[in-house]
Amino acid sequence: MHPFYGPSRRLVGWRERDAAGVLSMAAHLGFWAVALALAIGILGERYAQGDFDEATFRHMRAVLAEDVGRGGAG
């Protein structure tokens, strides 16, 4: 059981619980922002090395942009 919802919720006040939720959300968003930036960087490097052609590069970039538009990975 999650500590905020179980018997130990008396140990954590509302303010601390709200701060933990905001911190958790910020960490989650930060993780995906870094992951996306790394994916785009790696994609650019591989294109520059000639691992695939321009059409493939544009398709992969479009897929990444579509995932961002839908709200993330998955």
PDB file of N, CA and C in Angstrom:
ATOM      1  N   MET A   1       0.839  -1.170   0.000  1.00  0.00           N
ATOM      2  CA  MET A   1       0.000   0.000   0.000  1.00  0.00           C
ATOM      3  C   MET A   1       0.893   1.246   0.000  1.00  0.00           C
ATOM      4  N   HIS A   2       0.484   2.262  -0.724  1.00  0.00           N
ATOM      5  CA  HIS A   2       1.241   3.503  -0.807  1.00  0.00           C
ATOM      6  C   HIS A   2       1.255   4.185   0.561  1.00  0.00           C
ATOM      7  N   PRO A   3       2.416   4.699   0.993  1.00  0.00           N
ATOM      8  CA  PRO A   3       2.490   5.276   2.340  1.00  0.00           C
ATOM      9  C   PRO A   3       1.570   6.475   2.555  1.00  0.00           C
ATOM     10  N   PHE A   4       1.211   7.203   1.522  1.00  0.00           N
ATOM     11  CA  PHE A   4       0.350   8.366   1.700  1.00  0.00           C
ATOM     12  C   PHE A   4      -1.106   7.970   1.931  1.00  0.00           C
ATOM     13  N   TYR A   5      -1.475   6.758   1.570  1.00  0.00           N
ATOM     14  CA  TYR A   5      -2.868   6.364   1.670  1.00  0.00           C
ATOM     15  C   TYR A   5      -3.123   5.333   2.760  1.00  0.00           C
ATOM     16  N   GLY A   6      -2.075   4.804   3.308  1.00  0.00           N
ATOM     17  CA  GLY A   6      -2.226   3.780   4.330  1.00  0.00           C
ATOM     18  C   GLY A   6      -2.202   4.367   5.734  1.00  0.00           C
ATOM     19  N   PRO A   7      -1.968   3.527   6.707  1.00  0.00           N
ATOM     20  CA  PRO A   7      -1.973   3.976   8.103  1.00  0.00           C
ATOM     21  C   PRO A   7      -0.928   5.049   8.403  1.00  0.00           C
ATOM     22  N   SER A   8       0.143   5.110   7.622  1.00  0.00           N
ATOM     23  CA  SER A   8       1.206   6.074   7.909  1.00  0.00           C
ATOM     24  C   SER A   8       0.917   7.470   7.376  1.00  0.00           C
ATOM     25  N   ARG A   9      -0.245   7.698   6.782  1.00  0.00           N
ATOM     26  CA  ARG A   9      -0.530   9.025   6.239  1.00  0.00           C
ATOM     27  C   ARG A   9      -0.617  10.075   7.343  1.00  0.00           C
ATOM     28  N   ARG A  10      -0.836   9.643   8.580  1.00  0.00           N
ATOM     29  CA  ARG A  10      -0.830  10.584   9.705  1.00  0.00           C
ATOM     30  C   ARG A  10       0.551  11.175   9.915  1.00  0.00           C
ATOM     31  N   LEU A  11       1.600  10.503   9.441  1.00  0.00           N
ATOM     32  CA  LEU A  11       2.967  10.971   9.637  1.00  0.00           C
ATOM     33  C   LEU A  11       3.351  12.076   8.654  1.00  0.00           C
ATOM     34  N   VAL A  12       2.608  12.214   7.577  1.00  0.00           N
ATOM     35  CA  VAL A  12       2.915  13.188   6.536  1.00  0.00           C
ATOM     36  C   VAL A  12       1.755  14.163   6.432  1.00  0.00           C
ATOM     37  N   GLY A  13       2.059  15.449   6.586  1.00  0.00           N
ATOM     38  CA  GLY A  13       1.021  16.464   6.502  1.00  0.00           C
ATOM     39  C   GLY A  13       0.631  16.738   5.058  1.00  0.00           C
ATOM     40  N   TRP A  14      -0.442  17.498   4.867  1.00  0.00           N
ATOM     41  CA  TRP A  14      -0.928  17.814   3.530  1.00  0.00           C
ATOM     42  C   TRP A  14       0.110  18.568   2.722  1.00  0.00           C
ATOM     43  N   ARG A  15       0.793  19.501   3.345  1.00  0.00           N
ATOM     44  CA  ARG A  15       1.782  20.303   2.625  1.00  0.00           C
ATOM     45  C   ARG A  15       2.921  19.428   2.090  1.00  0.00           C
ATOM     46  N   GLU A  16       3.418  18.532   2.909  1.00  0.00           N
ATOM     47  CA  GLU A  16       4.499  17.648   2.471  1.00  0.00           C
ATOM     48  C   GLU A  16       4.024  16.704   1.367  1.00  0.00           C
ATOM     49  N   ARG A  17       2.798  16.239   1.476  1.00  0.00           N
ATOM     50  CA  ARG A  17       2.261  15.338   0.470  1.00  0.00           C
ATOM     51  C   ARG A  17       2.096  16.073  -0.865  1.00  0.00           C
ATOM     52  N   ASP A  18       1.613  17.301  -0.825  1.00  0.00           N
ATOM     53  CA  ASP A  18       1.466  18.084  -2.054  1.00  0.00           C
ATOM     54  C   ASP A  18       2.825  18.354  -2.688  1.00  0.00           C
ATOM     55  N   ALA A  19       3.817  18.685  -1.871  1.00  0.00           N
ATOM     56  CA  ALA A  19       5.162  18.950  -2.391  1.00  0.00           C
ATOM     57  C   ALA A  19       5.753  17.691  -3.027  1.00  0.00           C
ATOM     58  N   ALA A  20       5.519  16.546  -2.408  1.00  0.00           N
ATOM     59  CA  ALA A  20       6.038  15.292  -2.964  1.00  0.00           C
ATOM     60  C   ALA A  20       5.376  14.986  -4.302  1.00  0.00           C
ATOM     61  N   GLY A  21       4.083  15.291  -4.438  1.00  0.00           N
ATOM     62  CA  GLY A  21       3.394  15.059  -5.709  1.00  0.00           C
ATOM     63  C   GLY A  21       3.929  15.943  -6.811  1.00  0.00           C
ATOM     64  N   VAL A  22       4.155  17.218  -6.505  1.00  0.00           N
ATOM     65  CA  VAL A  22       4.697  18.142  -7.502  1.00  0.00           C
ATOM     66  C   VAL A  22       6.116  17.735  -7.880  1.00  0.00           C
ATOM     67  N   LEU A  23       6.921  17.362  -6.895  1.00  0.00           N
ATOM     68  CA  LEU A  23       8.284  16.926  -7.175  1.00  0.00           C
ATOM     69  C   LEU A  23       8.295  15.670  -8.034  1.00  0.00           C
ATOM     70  N   SER A  24       7.409  14.732  -7.750  1.00  0.00           N
ATOM     71  CA  SER A  24       7.314  13.509  -8.536  1.00  0.00           C
ATOM     72  C   SER A  24       6.927  13.814  -9.984  1.00  0.00           C
ATOM     73  N   MET A  25       5.950  14.705 -10.163  1.00  0.00           N
ATOM     74  CA  MET A  25       5.517  15.078 -11.509  1.00  0.00           C
ATOM     75  C   MET A  25       6.648  15.774 -12.270  1.00  0.00           C
ATOM     76  N   ALA A  26       7.365  16.666 -11.606  1.00  0.00           N
ATOM     77  CA  ALA A  26       8.473  17.374 -12.256  1.00  0.00           C
ATOM     78  C   ALA A  26       9.581  16.398 -12.657  1.00  0.00           C
ATOM     79  N   ALA A  27       9.866  15.439 -11.797  1.00  0.00           N
ATOM     80  CA  ALA A  27      10.892  14.445 -12.117  1.00  0.00           C
ATOM     81  C   ALA A  27      10.477  13.601 -13.312  1.00  0.00           C
ATOM     82  N   HIS A  28       9.215  13.233 -13.373  1.00  0.00           N
ATOM     83  CA  HIS A  28       8.701  12.432 -14.491  1.00  0.00           C
ATOM     84  C   HIS A  28       8.810  13.205 -15.805  1.00  0.00           C
ATOM     85  N   LEU A  29       8.351  14.443 -15.793  1.00  0.00           N
ATOM     86  CA  LEU A  29       8.437  15.266 -17.003  1.00  0.00           C
ATOM     87  C   LEU A  29       9.885  15.525 -17.401  1.00  0.00           C
ATOM     88  N   GLY A  30      10.733  15.763 -16.425  1.00  0.00           N
ATOM     89  CA  GLY A  30      12.155  15.981 -16.709  1.00  0.00           C
ATOM     90  C   GLY A  30      12.809  14.760 -17.334  1.00  0.00           C
ATOM     91  N   PHE A  31      12.471  13.591 -16.814  1.00  0.00           N
ATOM     92  CA  PHE A  31      13.023  12.356 -17.366  1.00  0.00           C
ATOM     93  C   PHE A  31      12.680  12.214 -18.848  1.00  0.00           C
ATOM     94  N   TRP A  32      11.385  12.412 -19.193  1.00  0.00           N
ATOM     95  CA  TRP A  32      10.975  12.235 -20.585  1.00  0.00           C
ATOM     96  C   TRP A  32      11.525  13.333 -21.485  1.00  0.00           C
ATOM     97  N   ALA A  33      11.725  14.531 -20.953  1.00  0.00           N
ATOM     98  CA  ALA A  33      12.326  15.602 -21.748  1.00  0.00           C
ATOM     99  C   ALA A  33      13.767  15.245 -22.104  1.00  0.00           C
ATOM    100  N   VAL A  34      14.507  14.739 -21.139  1.00  0.00           N
ATOM    101  CA  VAL A  34      15.895  14.331 -21.384  1.00  0.00           C
ATOM    102  C   VAL A  34      15.935  13.130 -22.328  1.00  0.00           C
ATOM    103  N   ALA A  35      15.056  12.164 -22.127  1.00  0.00           N
ATOM    104  CA  ALA A  35      15.029  10.981 -22.999  1.00  0.00           C
ATOM    105  C   ALA A  35      14.732  11.364 -24.442  1.00  0.00           C
ATOM    106  N   LEU A  36      13.789  12.284 -24.645  1.00  0.00           N
ATOM    107  CA  LEU A  36      13.461  12.720 -25.998  1.00  0.00           C
ATOM    108  C   LEU A  36      14.623  13.479 -26.629  1.00  0.00           C
ATOM    109  N   ALA A  37      15.252  14.345 -25.870  1.00  0.00           N
ATOM    110  CA  ALA A  37      16.399  15.094 -26.392  1.00  0.00           C
ATOM    111  C   ALA A  37      17.534  14.143 -26.790  1.00  0.00           C
ATOM    112  N   LEU A  38      17.774  13.134 -25.977  1.00  0.00           N
ATOM    113  CA  LEU A  38      18.807  12.144 -26.317  1.00  0.00           C
ATOM    114  C   LEU A  38      18.432  11.370 -27.576  1.00  0.00           C
ATOM    115  N   ALA A  39      17.162  10.986 -27.695  1.00  0.00           N
ATOM    116  CA  ALA A  39      16.733  10.230 -28.875  1.00  0.00           C
ATOM    117  C   ALA A  39      16.910  11.063 -30.145  1.00  0.00           C
ATOM    118  N   ILE A  40      16.537  12.324 -30.084  1.00  0.00           N
ATOM    119  CA  ILE A  40      16.692  13.190 -31.257  1.00  0.00           C
ATOM    120  C   ILE A  40      18.163  13.409 -31.573  1.00  0.00           C
ATOM    121  N   GLY A  41      18.991  13.564 -30.532  1.00  0.00           N
ATOM    122  CA  GLY A  41      20.428  13.735 -30.757  1.00  0.00           C
ATOM    123  C   GLY A  41      21.066  12.516 -31.387  1.00  0.00           C
ATOM    124  N   ILE A  42      20.706  11.348 -30.904  1.00  0.00           N
ATOM    125  CA  ILE A  42      21.259  10.105 -31.457  1.00  0.00           C
ATOM    126  C   ILE A  42      20.791   9.924 -32.895  1.00  0.00           C
ATOM    127  N   LEU A  43      19.531  10.239 -33.142  1.00  0.00           N
ATOM    128  CA  LEU A  43      18.995  10.150 -34.499  1.00  0.00           C
ATOM    129  C   LEU A  43      19.781  11.049 -35.450  1.00  0.00           C
ATOM    130  N   GLY A  44      20.059  12.282 -35.032  1.00  0.00           N
ATOM    131  CA  GLY A  44      20.833  13.215 -35.856  1.00  0.00           C
ATOM    132  C   GLY A  44      22.251  12.717 -36.119  1.00  0.00           C
ATOM    133  N   GLU A  45      22.877  12.164 -35.090  1.00  0.00           N
ATOM    134  CA  GLU A  45      24.230  11.631 -35.256  1.00  0.00           C
ATOM    135  C   GLU A  45      24.253  10.461 -36.243  1.00  0.00           C
ATOM    136  N   ARG A  46      23.305   9.570 -36.116  1.00  0.00           N
ATOM    137  CA  ARG A  46      23.263   8.417 -37.021  1.00  0.00           C
ATOM    138  C   ARG A  46      23.005   8.853 -38.462  1.00  0.00           C
ATOM    139  N   TYR A  47      22.161   9.870 -38.642  1.00  0.00           N
ATOM    140  CA  TYR A  47      21.916  10.401 -39.991  1.00  0.00           C
ATOM    141  C   TYR A  47      23.195  11.029 -40.542  1.00  0.00           C
ATOM    142  N   ALA A  48      23.903  11.774 -39.713  1.00  0.00           N
ATOM    143  CA  ALA A  48      25.146  12.414 -40.146  1.00  0.00           C
ATOM    144  C   ALA A  48      26.207  11.380 -40.518  1.00  0.00           C
ATOM    145  N   GLN A  49      26.208  10.242 -39.867  1.00  0.00           N
ATOM    146  CA  GLN A  49      27.174   9.184 -40.167  1.00  0.00           C
ATOM    147  C   GLN A  49      26.783   8.388 -41.404  1.00  0.00           C
ATOM    148  N   GLY A  50      25.569   8.600 -41.896  1.00  0.00           N
ATOM    149  CA  GLY A  50      25.131   7.896 -43.088  1.00  0.00           C
ATOM    150  C   GLY A  50      24.509   6.545 -42.825  1.00  0.00           C
ATOM    151  N   ASP A  51      24.046   6.310 -41.597  1.00  0.00           N
ATOM    152  CA  ASP A  51      23.425   5.025 -41.268  1.00  0.00           C
ATOM    153  C   ASP A  51      22.098   4.822 -41.985  1.00  0.00           C
ATOM    154  N   PHE A  52      21.407   5.915 -42.355  1.00  0.00           N
ATOM    155  CA  PHE A  52      20.164   5.820 -43.109  1.00  0.00           C
ATOM    156  C   PHE A  52      19.986   7.071 -43.955  1.00  0.00           C
ATOM    157  N   ASP A  53      19.056   6.983 -44.885  1.00  0.00           N
ATOM    158  CA  ASP A  53      18.868   8.088 -45.832  1.00  0.00           C
ATOM    159  C   ASP A  53      17.937   9.166 -45.271  1.00  0.00           C
ATOM    160  N   GLU A  54      17.753  10.237 -46.041  1.00  0.00           N
ATOM    161  CA  GLU A  54      16.966  11.379 -45.586  1.00  0.00           C
ATOM    162  C   GLU A  54      15.498  11.017 -45.356  1.00  0.00           C
ATOM    163  N   ALA A  55      14.936  10.182 -46.200  1.00  0.00           N
ATOM    164  CA  ALA A  55      13.530   9.795 -46.040  1.00  0.00           C
ATOM    165  C   ALA A  55      13.315   9.062 -44.714  1.00  0.00           C
ATOM    166  N   THR A  56      14.226   8.172 -44.379  1.00  0.00           N
ATOM    167  CA  THR A  56      14.136   7.447 -43.113  1.00  0.00           C
ATOM    168  C   THR A  56      14.298   8.401 -41.937  1.00  0.00           C
ATOM    169  N   PHE A  57      15.246   9.334 -42.059  1.00  0.00           N
ATOM    170  CA  PHE A  57      15.464  10.326 -41.012  1.00  0.00           C
ATOM    171  C   PHE A  57      14.202  11.155 -40.772  1.00  0.00           C
ATOM    172  N   ARG A  58      13.598  11.642 -41.863  1.00  0.00           N
ATOM    173  CA  ARG A  58      12.382  12.458 -41.722  1.00  0.00           C
ATOM    174  C   ARG A  58      11.232  11.653 -41.117  1.00  0.00           C
ATOM    175  N   HIS A  59      11.133  10.391 -41.501  1.00  0.00           N
ATOM    176  CA  HIS A  59      10.079   9.538 -40.944  1.00  0.00           C
ATOM    177  C   HIS A  59      10.290   9.342 -39.441  1.00  0.00           C
ATOM    178  N   MET A  60      11.507   9.060 -39.035  1.00  0.00           N
ATOM    179  CA  MET A  60      11.790   8.846 -37.611  1.00  0.00           C
ATOM    180  C   MET A  60      11.543  10.109 -36.797  1.00  0.00           C
ATOM    181  N   ARG A  61      11.923  11.264 -37.330  1.00  0.00           N
ATOM    182  CA  ARG A  61      11.651  12.538 -36.638  1.00  0.00           C
ATOM    183  C   ARG A  61      10.147  12.766 -36.507  1.00  0.00           C
ATOM    184  N   ALA A  62       9.400  12.433 -37.554  1.00  0.00           N
ATOM    185  CA  ALA A  62       7.949  12.606 -37.512  1.00  0.00           C
ATOM    186  C   ALA A  62       7.319  11.701 -36.448  1.00  0.00           C
ATOM    187  N   VAL A  63       7.829  10.502 -36.331  1.00  0.00           N
ATOM    188  CA  VAL A  63       7.313   9.578 -35.310  1.00  0.00           C
ATOM    189  C   VAL A  63       7.598  10.126 -33.915  1.00  0.00           C
ATOM    190  N   LEU A  64       8.800  10.647 -33.699  1.00  0.00           N
ATOM    191  CA  LEU A  64       9.121  11.239 -32.397  1.00  0.00           C
ATOM    192  C   LEU A  64       8.228  12.437 -32.109  1.00  0.00           C
ATOM    193  N   ALA A  65       8.004  13.284 -33.094  1.00  0.00           N
ATOM    194  CA  ALA A  65       7.143  14.459 -32.903  1.00  0.00           C
ATOM    195  C   ALA A  65       5.708  14.035 -32.628  1.00  0.00           C
ATOM    196  N   GLU A  66       5.257  12.974 -33.278  1.00  0.00           N
ATOM    197  CA  GLU A  66       3.896  12.467 -33.054  1.00  0.00           C
ATOM    198  C   GLU A  66       3.747  11.962 -31.630  1.00  0.00           C
ATOM    199  N   ASP A  67       4.764  11.254 -31.122  1.00  0.00           N
ATOM    200  CA  ASP A  67       4.724  10.764 -29.734  1.00  0.00           C
ATOM    201  C   ASP A  67       4.645  11.920 -28.751  1.00  0.00           C
ATOM    202  N   VAL A  68       5.369  12.983 -29.022  1.00  0.00           N
ATOM    203  CA  VAL A  68       5.335  14.158 -28.143  1.00  0.00           C
ATOM    204  C   VAL A  68       3.948  14.787 -28.197  1.00  0.00           C
ATOM    205  N   GLY A  69       3.360  14.862 -29.359  1.00  0.00           N
ATOM    206  CA  GLY A  69       2.038  15.438 -29.506  1.00  0.00           C
ATOM    207  C   GLY A  69       0.960  14.633 -28.793  1.00  0.00           C
ATOM    208  N   ARG A  70       1.162  13.326 -28.695  1.00  0.00           N
ATOM    209  CA  ARG A  70       0.193  12.456 -28.010  1.00  0.00           C
ATOM    210  C   ARG A  70       0.385  12.453 -26.506  1.00  0.00           C
ATOM    211  N   GLY A  71       1.493  13.011 -26.058  1.00  0.00           N
ATOM    212  CA  GLY A  71       1.680  13.081 -24.604  1.00  0.00           C
ATOM    213  C   GLY A  71       2.751  12.177 -24.061  1.00  0.00           C
ATOM    214  N   GLY A  72       3.714  11.769 -24.854  1.00  0.00           N
ATOM    215  CA  GLY A  72       4.833  11.025 -24.312  1.00  0.00           C
ATOM    216  C   GLY A  72       5.051   9.689 -24.958  1.00  0.00           C
ATOM    217  N   ALA A  73       5.932   8.940 -24.343  1.00  0.00           N
ATOM    218  CA  ALA A  73       6.300   7.638 -24.870  1.00  0.00           C
ATOM    219  C   ALA A  73       5.275   6.602 -24.444  1.00  0.00           C
ATOM    220  N   GLY A  74       5.002   5.697 -25.342  1.00  0.00           N
ATOM    221  CA  GLY A  74       4.130   4.602 -24.951  1.00  0.00           C
ATOM    222  C   GLY A  74       2.825   4.563 -25.581  1.00  0.00           C
TER     223      GLY A  74
END
